[in-house]
Amino acid sequence: MKVKTISRVEESYTRDCKGDRLQVHRNRDPSLHPFEKAREYTRALQSVKLDKMFAKPLVGALDGHGDGVFCSASSRRNLVQFLSGACDGEIRLWDLSRRSCVWRAVGHQGFVRGLSVTPDGASFLSAGDDGMVKQWELGVASDLSETPEPTATWMGKSGGFKSLDHHWTDAKFATAGDSVDLWDHSRAEPTLSYQWGADSNNCVRFNPAERCLLASTGSSREVCLYDTRATVPMRKVVLQMRSNAVAWNPQEPMNFVCANEDTNLYTFDLRNLNQALMIHKDHVSAVMDVSFSPTGQEFASGSYDRTVRVFPHRAGRSREVYHTKRMQRVFCVNFSADARFVMTGSDDTNLRIWKANASEKLGKVVPREARKQEYRDSLKKRYEHMPEVRRIAKHRHVPRIVKKAAEAERVQRDKERRKVDNRIKHSKAGTVETVPERKKKIVKELT
């Protein structure tokens, strides 16, 4: 009887790489593996420990601005191009693959308040304190000594602008200032202007799915919704404190997140503004900006407490916190178009690039390694409720000032809870009305 032998050439075609072992089939009968769960728990514990060991979230820093970075924008058609605007009016275009500035211009007098890339990716718009909106070509320039000129300019009538956002498909954009204005590329005057009680509007954003839906935040603590087919605002909700930014969920167009001054973020459903869907806590100072991942499963926020946090869109606590010793107050946050990186701009004149998953490998991953990582992720998800796995997975090092502020906030929150419990305990049944926390922050809703 002849035994067929496999040559080295034939053997190489049965494996993903040269160092792989040949596949061995095993019997998966549970009765033959009584300690399978014990082994899987040990592997899950090792996986979360390995994630901590290989967590290196900071990819790089981009320096060159002469003042704090106040706003930023990324192209939906290009993973390499990234825009930033500073408090001294300078605009820079960065090549993220080379981590270098390829274009710069002094676009405005005063702060650059807003940047937005057009849907075709050929140009971008900028707005500033000087009350002007300028359109620039997005071509990559090799000579930084050139003085770029805007291709189009729009002048506002009432003071400077606070925010800018371009429509996702049409040739129109919206600005926020003393009023929310809707502009068309072919006209010098705004086609629509909305004003509903707010002294000034801080942020304006188009809905990625509903073409006629617009949201804005105002200085008088409201979040307002607009239908661009109508000449008057649609609805608004008034919170206890002011919201600095708003972001729509790209996969759930009915939901949006507000970054508030009271250190929290609030997720709302536009169909029911009487209460928040979720309150996202962990920051200890005012939240300045928020940006959704293209997948819609998570968002990043930047705060005055000098930290950047990544939240799952249905979780009340953050899964990651990023900080460095030199990073100051974070003014702007952006997710990359492939959902793998987070770009932040802060008061220390630097832009920083972070990994969305701190322990993710950026180099080439062979198929065998990818399958191994998928297996580890499934084990971590299966045993995430176990005390030791949960403790290691949730532990994060934060700056001392943030930890002390969080502890002081926890003590104050416990004190308020005990006070309410004592009132209920020593009062007649039904006389003390308890309000859910998701409704407590809502002052009123207006239509």
Protein backbone atom coordinates (compact mmCIF):
# COMPACT_ATOMS: atom_id res chain seq x y z
CA MET A 1 0.00 0.00 0.00
CA LYS A 2 1.41 3.33 -1.04
CA VAL A 3 1.22 6.35 1.24
CA LYS A 4 0.79 9.68 -0.56
CA THR A 5 3.32 12.24 0.50
CA ILE A 6 2.80 16.00 0.28
CA SER A 7 5.67 18.00 -1.12
CA ARG A 8 6.77 21.33 0.33
CA VAL A 9 5.25 23.18 -2.63
CA GLU A 10 1.87 21.47 -2.23
CA GLU A 11 1.99 21.95 1.52
CA SER A 12 2.55 25.70 1.17
CA TYR A 13 -0.74 26.08 -0.71
CA THR A 14 -2.71 24.60 2.20
CA ARG A 15 -1.48 27.17 4.70
CA ASP A 16 -1.96 30.96 5.03
CA CYS A 17 1.73 31.54 5.62
CA LYS A 18 4.89 29.48 5.75
CA GLY A 19 4.98 29.24 9.55
CA ASP A 20 1.41 27.98 9.95
CA ARG A 21 0.71 24.47 11.12
CA LEU A 22 -1.42 22.16 9.05
CA GLN A 23 -5.09 22.04 10.00
CA VAL A 24 -5.95 19.33 12.51
CA HIS A 25 -9.56 18.26 12.96
CA ARG A 26 -10.71 17.64 16.52
CA ASN A 27 -13.81 16.20 18.09
CA ARG A 28 -15.91 19.06 19.55
CA ASP A 29 -18.11 16.86 21.74
CA PRO A 30 -18.57 18.74 25.08
CA SER A 31 -18.36 15.51 27.04
CA LEU A 32 -14.78 15.07 25.88
CA HIS A 33 -13.78 18.58 27.04
CA PRO A 34 -14.97 19.05 30.65
CA PHE A 35 -12.63 22.00 31.30
CA GLU A 36 -13.42 23.95 28.14
CA LYS A 37 -15.02 26.93 29.94
CA ALA A 38 -12.20 27.14 32.43
CA ARG A 39 -9.68 27.30 29.59
CA GLU A 40 -11.78 29.91 27.75
CA TYR A 41 -12.04 32.08 30.87
CA THR A 42 -8.25 31.97 31.28
CA ARG A 43 -7.83 32.98 27.64
CA ALA A 44 -10.33 35.83 28.02
CA LEU A 45 -8.42 37.10 31.04
CA GLN A 46 -5.17 36.93 29.09
CA SER A 47 -6.78 38.79 26.18
CA VAL A 48 -7.84 41.80 28.26
CA LYS A 49 -4.39 41.90 29.85
CA LEU A 50 -2.76 41.84 26.42
CA ASP A 51 -4.98 44.73 25.32
CA LYS A 52 -3.63 46.77 28.23
CA MET A 53 -0.04 45.83 27.44
CA PHE A 54 -0.31 46.82 23.76
CA ALA A 55 -2.47 49.91 24.25
CA LYS A 56 -0.60 52.74 22.51
CA PRO A 57 -3.35 55.07 21.28
CA LEU A 58 -1.29 58.13 20.26
CA VAL A 59 -0.23 57.81 16.62
CA GLY A 60 1.35 61.22 16.14
CA ALA A 61 1.10 64.98 16.64
CA LEU A 62 0.95 67.69 13.98
CA ASP A 63 2.47 71.01 15.00
CA GLY A 64 2.83 74.25 13.07
CA HIS A 65 -0.08 76.46 14.10
CA GLY A 66 0.80 79.65 15.92
CA ASP A 67 -2.35 79.66 18.06
CA GLY A 68 -4.86 77.19 19.47
CA VAL A 69 -6.67 74.92 17.01
CA PHE A 70 -10.35 75.79 17.22
CA CYS A 71 -12.03 73.81 14.39
CA SER A 72 -11.23 71.02 11.97
CA ALA A 73 -12.78 69.04 9.12
CA SER A 74 -12.06 65.92 7.12
CA SER A 75 -13.07 64.89 3.63
CA ARG A 76 -15.56 62.07 3.14
CA ARG A 77 -13.84 61.14 -0.12
CA ASN A 78 -10.20 61.21 0.96
CA LEU A 79 -8.58 59.56 3.98
CA VAL A 80 -5.41 61.63 3.68
CA GLN A 81 -6.62 65.23 3.56
CA PHE A 82 -7.42 66.96 6.85
CA LEU A 83 -8.19 70.63 7.55
CA SER A 84 -7.63 72.69 10.67
CA GLY A 85 -8.41 76.29 11.59
CA ALA A 86 -6.70 78.27 14.35
CA CYS A 87 -7.62 81.15 16.59
CA ASP A 88 -5.31 83.51 14.65
CA GLY A 89 -7.22 83.00 11.37
CA GLU A 90 -4.79 80.53 9.80
CA ILE A 91 -6.09 77.52 7.84
CA ARG A 92 -3.90 74.49 7.17
CA LEU A 93 -4.31 71.43 4.97
CA TRP A 94 -2.52 68.33 6.26
CA ASP A 95 -1.39 65.14 4.60
CA LEU A 96 -2.07 62.56 7.31
CA SER A 97 -0.07 59.81 5.62
CA ARG A 98 3.09 61.96 5.71
CA ARG A 99 2.00 63.95 8.81
CA SER A 100 3.00 67.23 7.17
CA CYS A 101 1.34 70.50 6.18
CA VAL A 102 0.88 70.82 2.40
CA TRP A 103 -1.16 74.05 2.21
CA ARG A 104 -1.76 77.05 4.43
CA ALA A 105 -3.40 80.44 4.26
CA VAL A 106 -4.47 83.26 6.56
CA GLY A 107 -8.15 83.06 5.74
CA HIS A 108 -9.86 85.28 8.33
CA GLN A 109 -9.34 88.08 10.80
CA GLY A 110 -9.87 86.54 14.22
CA PHE A 111 -10.97 82.99 14.95
CA VAL A 112 -11.67 80.45 12.25
CA ARG A 113 -15.05 79.24 13.52
CA GLY A 114 -16.00 76.60 10.97
CA LEU A 115 -14.61 74.38 8.22
CA SER A 116 -16.50 72.05 5.90
CA VAL A 117 -15.57 70.08 2.78
CA THR A 118 -17.93 70.07 -0.22
CA PRO A 119 -19.51 66.72 -1.22
CA ASP A 120 -17.36 66.38 -4.36
CA GLY A 121 -14.17 66.80 -2.30
CA ALA A 122 -12.78 69.43 -4.69
CA SER A 123 -13.08 72.45 -2.38
CA PHE A 124 -13.88 73.49 1.17
CA LEU A 125 -15.53 76.39 2.98
CA SER A 126 -14.34 78.39 5.96
CA ALA A 127 -16.14 80.86 8.23
CA GLY A 128 -14.69 83.27 10.76
CA ASP A 129 -15.26 86.08 13.22
CA ASP A 130 -14.96 88.61 10.40
CA GLY A 131 -18.42 87.64 9.12
CA MET A 132 -17.15 86.11 5.89
CA VAL A 133 -17.48 82.66 4.32
CA LYS A 134 -14.76 81.77 1.82
CA GLN A 135 -14.42 78.90 -0.62
CA TRP A 136 -10.96 77.44 -1.29
CA GLU A 137 -9.66 74.85 -3.71
CA LEU A 138 -8.67 71.59 -2.02
CA GLY A 139 -5.77 70.82 -4.34
CA VAL A 140 -2.48 69.85 -2.74
CA ALA A 141 0.11 72.62 -3.14
CA SER A 142 3.79 71.82 -2.98
CA ASP A 143 5.10 75.35 -2.49
CA LEU A 144 4.11 76.72 0.93
CA SER A 145 5.44 80.16 0.01
CA GLU A 146 2.48 80.75 -2.32
CA THR A 147 -0.36 82.98 -1.14
CA PRO A 148 -3.64 81.18 -1.92
CA GLU A 149 -6.71 83.19 -2.83
CA PRO A 150 -10.34 82.16 -2.23
CA THR A 151 -12.41 81.27 -5.28
CA ALA A 152 -15.66 82.69 -3.80
CA THR A 153 -16.66 84.86 -0.86
CA TRP A 154 -19.97 85.42 0.94
CA MET A 155 -20.48 88.31 3.38
CA GLY A 156 -22.82 88.10 6.35
CA LYS A 157 -24.91 91.07 7.46
CA SER A 158 -24.93 90.62 11.24
CA GLY A 159 -21.55 90.13 12.91
CA GLY A 160 -19.34 87.08 12.71
CA PHE A 161 -20.21 83.45 12.25
CA LYS A 162 -19.93 80.82 14.98
CA SER A 163 -20.29 77.64 12.92
CA LEU A 164 -20.51 76.32 9.38
CA ASP A 165 -21.72 73.10 7.78
CA HIS A 166 -22.10 72.07 4.15
CA HIS A 167 -24.99 70.00 2.86
CA TRP A 168 -24.17 66.33 2.30
CA THR A 169 -25.30 66.29 -1.35
CA ASP A 170 -26.54 69.71 -2.55
CA ALA A 171 -24.63 72.90 -3.37
CA LYS A 172 -25.72 74.77 -0.27
CA PHE A 173 -24.45 75.37 3.25
CA ALA A 174 -25.65 76.69 6.59
CA THR A 175 -24.05 79.17 8.98
CA ALA A 176 -24.76 79.93 12.62
CA GLY A 177 -24.43 83.38 14.17
CA ASP A 178 -27.07 85.82 15.31
CA SER A 179 -29.36 83.68 13.15
CA VAL A 180 -29.20 80.37 11.32
CA ASP A 181 -28.79 81.17 7.62
CA LEU A 182 -29.14 78.85 4.65
CA TRP A 183 -26.95 79.79 1.65
CA ASP A 184 -26.75 78.71 -1.95
CA HIS A 185 -23.45 78.67 -3.86
CA SER A 186 -24.94 80.67 -6.72
CA ARG A 187 -26.36 83.52 -4.61
CA ALA A 188 -24.72 86.28 -2.59
CA GLU A 189 -27.54 86.51 -0.03
CA PRO A 190 -28.91 83.76 2.23
CA THR A 191 -31.98 82.03 0.84
CA LEU A 192 -33.48 81.46 4.29
CA SER A 193 -32.84 82.92 7.72
CA TYR A 194 -34.13 81.42 10.98
CA GLN A 195 -34.26 83.06 14.40
CA TRP A 196 -36.14 81.84 17.45
CA GLY A 197 -35.24 83.57 20.69
CA ALA A 198 -31.51 82.77 20.88
CA ASP A 199 -29.05 85.63 21.19
CA SER A 200 -26.55 83.66 19.10
CA ASN A 201 -26.20 80.15 17.71
CA ASN A 202 -23.08 78.12 18.46
CA CYS A 203 -23.29 75.12 16.15
CA VAL A 204 -25.26 74.02 13.09
CA ARG A 205 -25.33 70.57 11.45
CA PHE A 206 -27.16 69.00 8.49
CA ASN A 207 -28.74 65.58 8.88
CA PRO A 208 -26.83 63.02 6.77
CA ALA A 209 -29.97 61.17 5.62
CA GLU A 210 -32.86 63.65 5.72
CA ARG A 211 -31.87 66.31 3.18
CA CYS A 212 -34.12 69.02 4.60
CA LEU A 213 -33.37 68.55 8.31
CA LEU A 214 -31.07 70.87 10.23
CA ALA A 215 -30.11 71.17 13.93
CA SER A 216 -28.50 74.01 15.86
CA THR A 217 -27.51 74.87 19.41
CA GLY A 218 -27.96 78.32 20.91
CA SER A 219 -26.55 80.44 23.71
CA SER A 220 -29.94 80.48 25.44
CA ARG A 221 -29.60 76.73 26.21
CA GLU A 222 -31.83 75.42 23.43
CA VAL A 223 -31.35 72.81 20.72
CA CYS A 224 -33.44 73.74 17.71
CA LEU A 225 -34.60 71.69 14.69
CA TYR A 226 -35.38 73.17 11.27
CA ASP A 227 -37.06 71.97 8.11
CA THR A 228 -35.46 73.88 5.23
CA ARG A 229 -38.69 73.55 3.22
CA ALA A 230 -40.40 75.85 5.76
CA THR A 231 -39.66 79.46 6.63
CA VAL A 232 -39.97 79.03 10.40
CA PRO A 233 -38.16 76.69 12.83
CA MET A 234 -39.79 73.34 13.55
CA ARG A 235 -39.16 72.40 17.22
CA LYS A 236 -36.74 73.09 20.02
CA VAL A 237 -35.91 71.77 23.45
CA VAL A 238 -34.48 73.92 26.26
CA LEU A 239 -31.93 72.32 28.61
CA GLN A 240 -30.65 73.49 31.97
CA MET A 241 -27.28 74.50 30.55
CA ARG A 242 -25.92 75.49 27.15
CA SER A 243 -24.94 72.95 24.49
CA ASN A 244 -21.70 73.64 22.62
CA ALA A 245 -22.02 71.17 19.74
CA VAL A 246 -24.42 68.72 18.13
CA ALA A 247 -23.79 65.64 15.95
CA TRP A 248 -26.20 63.41 14.02
CA ASN A 249 -25.88 59.64 14.06
CA PRO A 250 -25.12 58.69 10.41
CA GLN A 251 -26.74 55.25 10.74
CA GLU A 252 -29.73 56.30 12.87
CA PRO A 253 -30.80 59.63 11.33
CA MET A 254 -33.48 60.25 13.96
CA ASN A 255 -30.93 60.43 16.81
CA PHE A 256 -28.45 63.19 17.66
CA VAL A 257 -26.00 63.88 20.48
CA CYS A 258 -25.48 67.23 22.25
CA ALA A 259 -22.25 68.22 24.01
CA ASN A 260 -23.30 70.20 27.07
CA GLU A 261 -21.67 72.60 29.50
CA ASP A 262 -22.74 70.46 32.48
CA THR A 263 -20.00 67.87 31.64
CA ASN A 264 -22.49 65.43 30.07
CA LEU A 265 -23.56 64.43 26.58
CA TYR A 266 -27.22 63.80 25.77
CA THR A 267 -28.65 61.57 23.05
CA PHE A 268 -32.09 62.63 21.81
CA ASP A 269 -34.66 61.15 19.47
CA LEU A 270 -36.12 63.97 17.40
CA ARG A 271 -39.54 62.27 17.57
CA ASN A 272 -39.64 62.66 21.37
CA LEU A 273 -37.72 65.54 22.89
CA ASN A 274 -39.41 65.32 26.31
CA GLN A 275 -36.58 63.17 27.63
CA ALA A 276 -33.10 62.08 26.62
CA LEU A 277 -32.55 58.60 25.26
CA MET A 278 -29.22 58.35 27.06
CA ILE A 279 -26.99 60.48 29.29
CA HIS A 280 -23.29 59.94 28.66
CA LYS A 281 -21.14 60.72 31.70
CA ASP A 282 -17.41 60.72 32.50
CA HIS A 283 -16.13 64.19 31.65
CA VAL A 284 -15.54 66.52 34.59
CA SER A 285 -15.69 69.82 32.69
CA ALA A 286 -17.60 71.38 29.80
CA VAL A 287 -17.76 69.24 26.66
CA MET A 288 -16.67 71.32 23.66
CA ASP A 289 -17.17 69.08 20.63
CA VAL A 290 -18.55 65.71 19.56
CA SER A 291 -18.13 63.68 16.39
CA PHE A 292 -19.76 60.42 15.29
CA SER A 293 -17.97 57.48 13.76
CA PRO A 294 -19.10 56.65 10.18
CA THR A 295 -20.34 53.32 11.52
CA GLY A 296 -22.74 55.07 13.90
CA GLN A 297 -21.75 52.71 16.72
CA GLU A 298 -19.65 55.17 18.72
CA PHE A 299 -18.67 58.82 18.99
CA ALA A 300 -15.75 60.82 20.35
CA SER A 301 -15.92 63.91 22.52
CA GLY A 302 -13.41 66.55 23.56
CA SER A 303 -13.65 68.51 26.78
CA TYR A 304 -12.25 71.42 28.77
CA ASP A 305 -10.83 68.84 31.20
CA ARG A 306 -8.07 68.09 28.62
CA THR A 307 -9.24 64.59 27.80
CA VAL A 308 -10.77 62.88 24.78
CA ARG A 309 -13.28 60.10 25.35
CA VAL A 310 -14.83 57.49 23.07
CA PHE A 311 -18.39 56.41 23.91
CA PRO A 312 -20.45 53.54 22.51
CA HIS A 313 -23.62 55.20 21.22
CA ARG A 314 -25.84 53.20 23.62
CA ALA A 315 -23.60 53.31 26.72
CA GLY A 316 -23.62 55.81 29.54
CA ARG A 317 -19.89 55.48 30.23
CA SER A 318 -16.89 55.86 27.95
CA ARG A 319 -14.84 52.88 26.82
CA GLU A 320 -11.63 54.88 26.19
CA VAL A 321 -10.03 58.03 27.56
CA TYR A 322 -7.04 59.67 25.87
CA HIS A 323 -4.78 62.32 27.36
CA THR A 324 -1.17 63.51 27.38
CA LYS A 325 0.80 65.68 29.76
CA ARG A 326 1.07 68.55 27.28
CA MET A 327 -2.42 68.47 25.79
CA GLN A 328 -4.57 71.37 26.89
CA ARG A 329 -8.29 72.09 26.43
CA VAL A 330 -9.72 70.18 23.49
CA PHE A 331 -11.78 72.32 21.11
CA CYS A 332 -12.45 70.04 18.12
CA VAL A 333 -12.78 66.30 17.48
CA ASN A 334 -13.12 64.38 14.19
CA PHE A 335 -13.43 60.72 13.27
CA SER A 336 -11.64 59.52 10.15
CA ALA A 337 -13.73 58.25 7.23
CA ASP A 338 -12.59 54.66 7.87
CA ALA A 339 -13.54 54.86 11.60
CA ARG A 340 -10.03 53.80 12.68
CA PHE A 341 -8.64 57.13 13.91
CA VAL A 342 -9.69 60.15 15.95
CA MET A 343 -8.19 63.58 15.23
CA THR A 344 -8.27 66.26 17.93
CA GLY A 345 -7.26 69.91 18.08
CA SER A 346 -6.43 71.60 21.36
CA ASP A 347 -5.42 74.90 22.89
CA ASP A 348 -1.71 74.01 22.80
CA THR A 349 -1.59 74.63 18.99
CA ASN A 350 -1.28 70.90 18.19
CA LEU A 351 -3.34 68.38 16.28
CA ARG A 352 -3.15 64.81 17.53
CA ILE A 353 -4.01 61.52 15.85
CA TRP A 354 -5.33 58.73 18.07
CA LYS A 355 -6.34 55.16 17.34
CA ALA A 356 -10.04 54.50 17.86
CA ASN A 357 -9.05 51.14 19.40
CA ALA A 358 -6.01 51.72 21.58
CA SER A 359 -4.51 48.24 21.16
CA GLU A 360 -5.19 47.84 17.43
CA LYS A 361 -2.22 46.86 15.29
CA LEU A 362 -1.57 49.31 12.45
CA GLY A 363 0.78 47.11 10.41
CA LYS A 364 -0.06 44.29 8.07
CA VAL A 365 -2.09 41.49 9.67
CA VAL A 366 -1.86 37.98 8.24
CA PRO A 367 -5.09 35.91 8.07
CA ARG A 368 -4.04 33.64 10.91
CA GLU A 369 -3.43 36.62 13.19
CA ALA A 370 -6.76 38.18 12.20
CA ARG A 371 -8.61 34.97 13.11
CA LYS A 372 -6.78 34.83 16.43
CA GLN A 373 -7.83 38.41 17.21
CA GLU A 374 -11.46 37.64 16.32
CA TYR A 375 -11.34 34.67 18.67
CA ARG A 376 -9.96 36.85 21.48
CA ASP A 377 -12.63 39.49 20.90
CA SER A 378 -15.37 36.87 21.07
CA LEU A 379 -13.96 35.52 24.35
CA LYS A 380 -13.82 39.01 25.85
CA LYS A 381 -17.43 39.62 24.89
CA ARG A 382 -18.54 36.24 26.28
CA TYR A 383 -16.86 36.75 29.66
CA GLU A 384 -17.15 40.53 30.00
CA HIS A 385 -19.51 40.11 32.98
CA MET A 386 -16.93 38.21 35.05
CA PRO A 387 -15.55 40.42 37.88
CA GLU A 388 -11.85 40.08 37.09
CA VAL A 389 -12.31 40.55 33.33
CA ARG A 390 -14.60 43.53 33.86
CA ARG A 391 -12.23 45.18 36.34
CA ILE A 392 -9.24 44.98 34.02
CA ALA A 393 -11.17 45.96 30.90
CA LYS A 394 -12.72 49.08 32.48
CA HIS A 395 -9.69 50.38 34.34
CA ARG A 396 -8.21 53.58 32.86
CA HIS A 397 -5.45 55.84 34.10
CA VAL A 398 -6.54 59.49 34.14
CA PRO A 399 -4.76 62.68 35.24
CA ARG A 400 -4.80 63.38 38.95
CA ILE A 401 -6.87 66.55 38.57
CA VAL A 402 -9.52 64.63 36.61
CA LYS A 403 -9.63 61.85 39.19
CA LYS A 404 -10.05 64.29 42.07
CA ALA A 405 -12.77 66.20 40.24
CA ALA A 406 -14.62 62.96 39.46
CA GLU A 407 -14.39 61.91 43.12
CA ALA A 408 -15.74 65.28 44.28
CA GLU A 409 -18.60 65.02 41.78
CA ARG A 410 -19.42 61.51 43.01
CA VAL A 411 -19.56 62.70 46.64
CA GLN A 412 -21.87 65.56 45.67
CA ARG A 413 -24.12 63.23 43.67
CA ASP A 414 -24.38 60.78 46.58
CA LYS A 415 -25.26 63.65 48.91
CA GLU A 416 -28.10 64.77 46.65
CA ARG A 417 -29.39 61.21 46.39
CA ARG A 418 -29.40 60.77 50.18
CA LYS A 419 -31.23 64.06 50.57
CA VAL A 420 -33.99 62.96 48.20
CA ASP A 421 -34.24 59.56 49.91
CA ASN A 422 -34.56 61.22 53.32
CA ARG A 423 -37.31 63.53 52.05
CA ILE A 424 -39.26 60.57 50.72
CA LYS A 425 -38.72 58.60 53.93
CA HIS A 426 -39.93 61.37 56.28
CA SER A 427 -42.79 62.72 54.14
CA LYS A 428 -46.31 61.58 53.47
CA ALA A 429 -46.58 59.03 50.66
CA GLY A 430 -46.95 60.72 47.28
CA THR A 431 -46.03 64.25 48.40
CA VAL A 432 -42.44 64.14 47.10
CA GLU A 433 -42.37 63.81 43.34
CA THR A 434 -39.33 62.10 41.86
CA VAL A 435 -38.28 63.05 38.33
CA PRO A 436 -36.22 60.64 36.20
CA GLU A 437 -32.74 61.92 35.49
CA ARG A 438 -33.33 61.80 31.73
CA LYS A 439 -36.20 64.27 32.19
CA LYS A 440 -34.63 66.35 34.93
CA LYS A 441 -32.27 68.18 32.55
CA ILE A 442 -35.12 69.15 30.19
CA VAL A 443 -36.64 72.53 31.01
CA LYS A 444 -39.32 72.59 28.30
CA GLU A 445 -40.08 71.69 24.70
CA LEU A 446 -41.47 74.25 22.27
CA THR A 447 -43.14 73.63 18.92
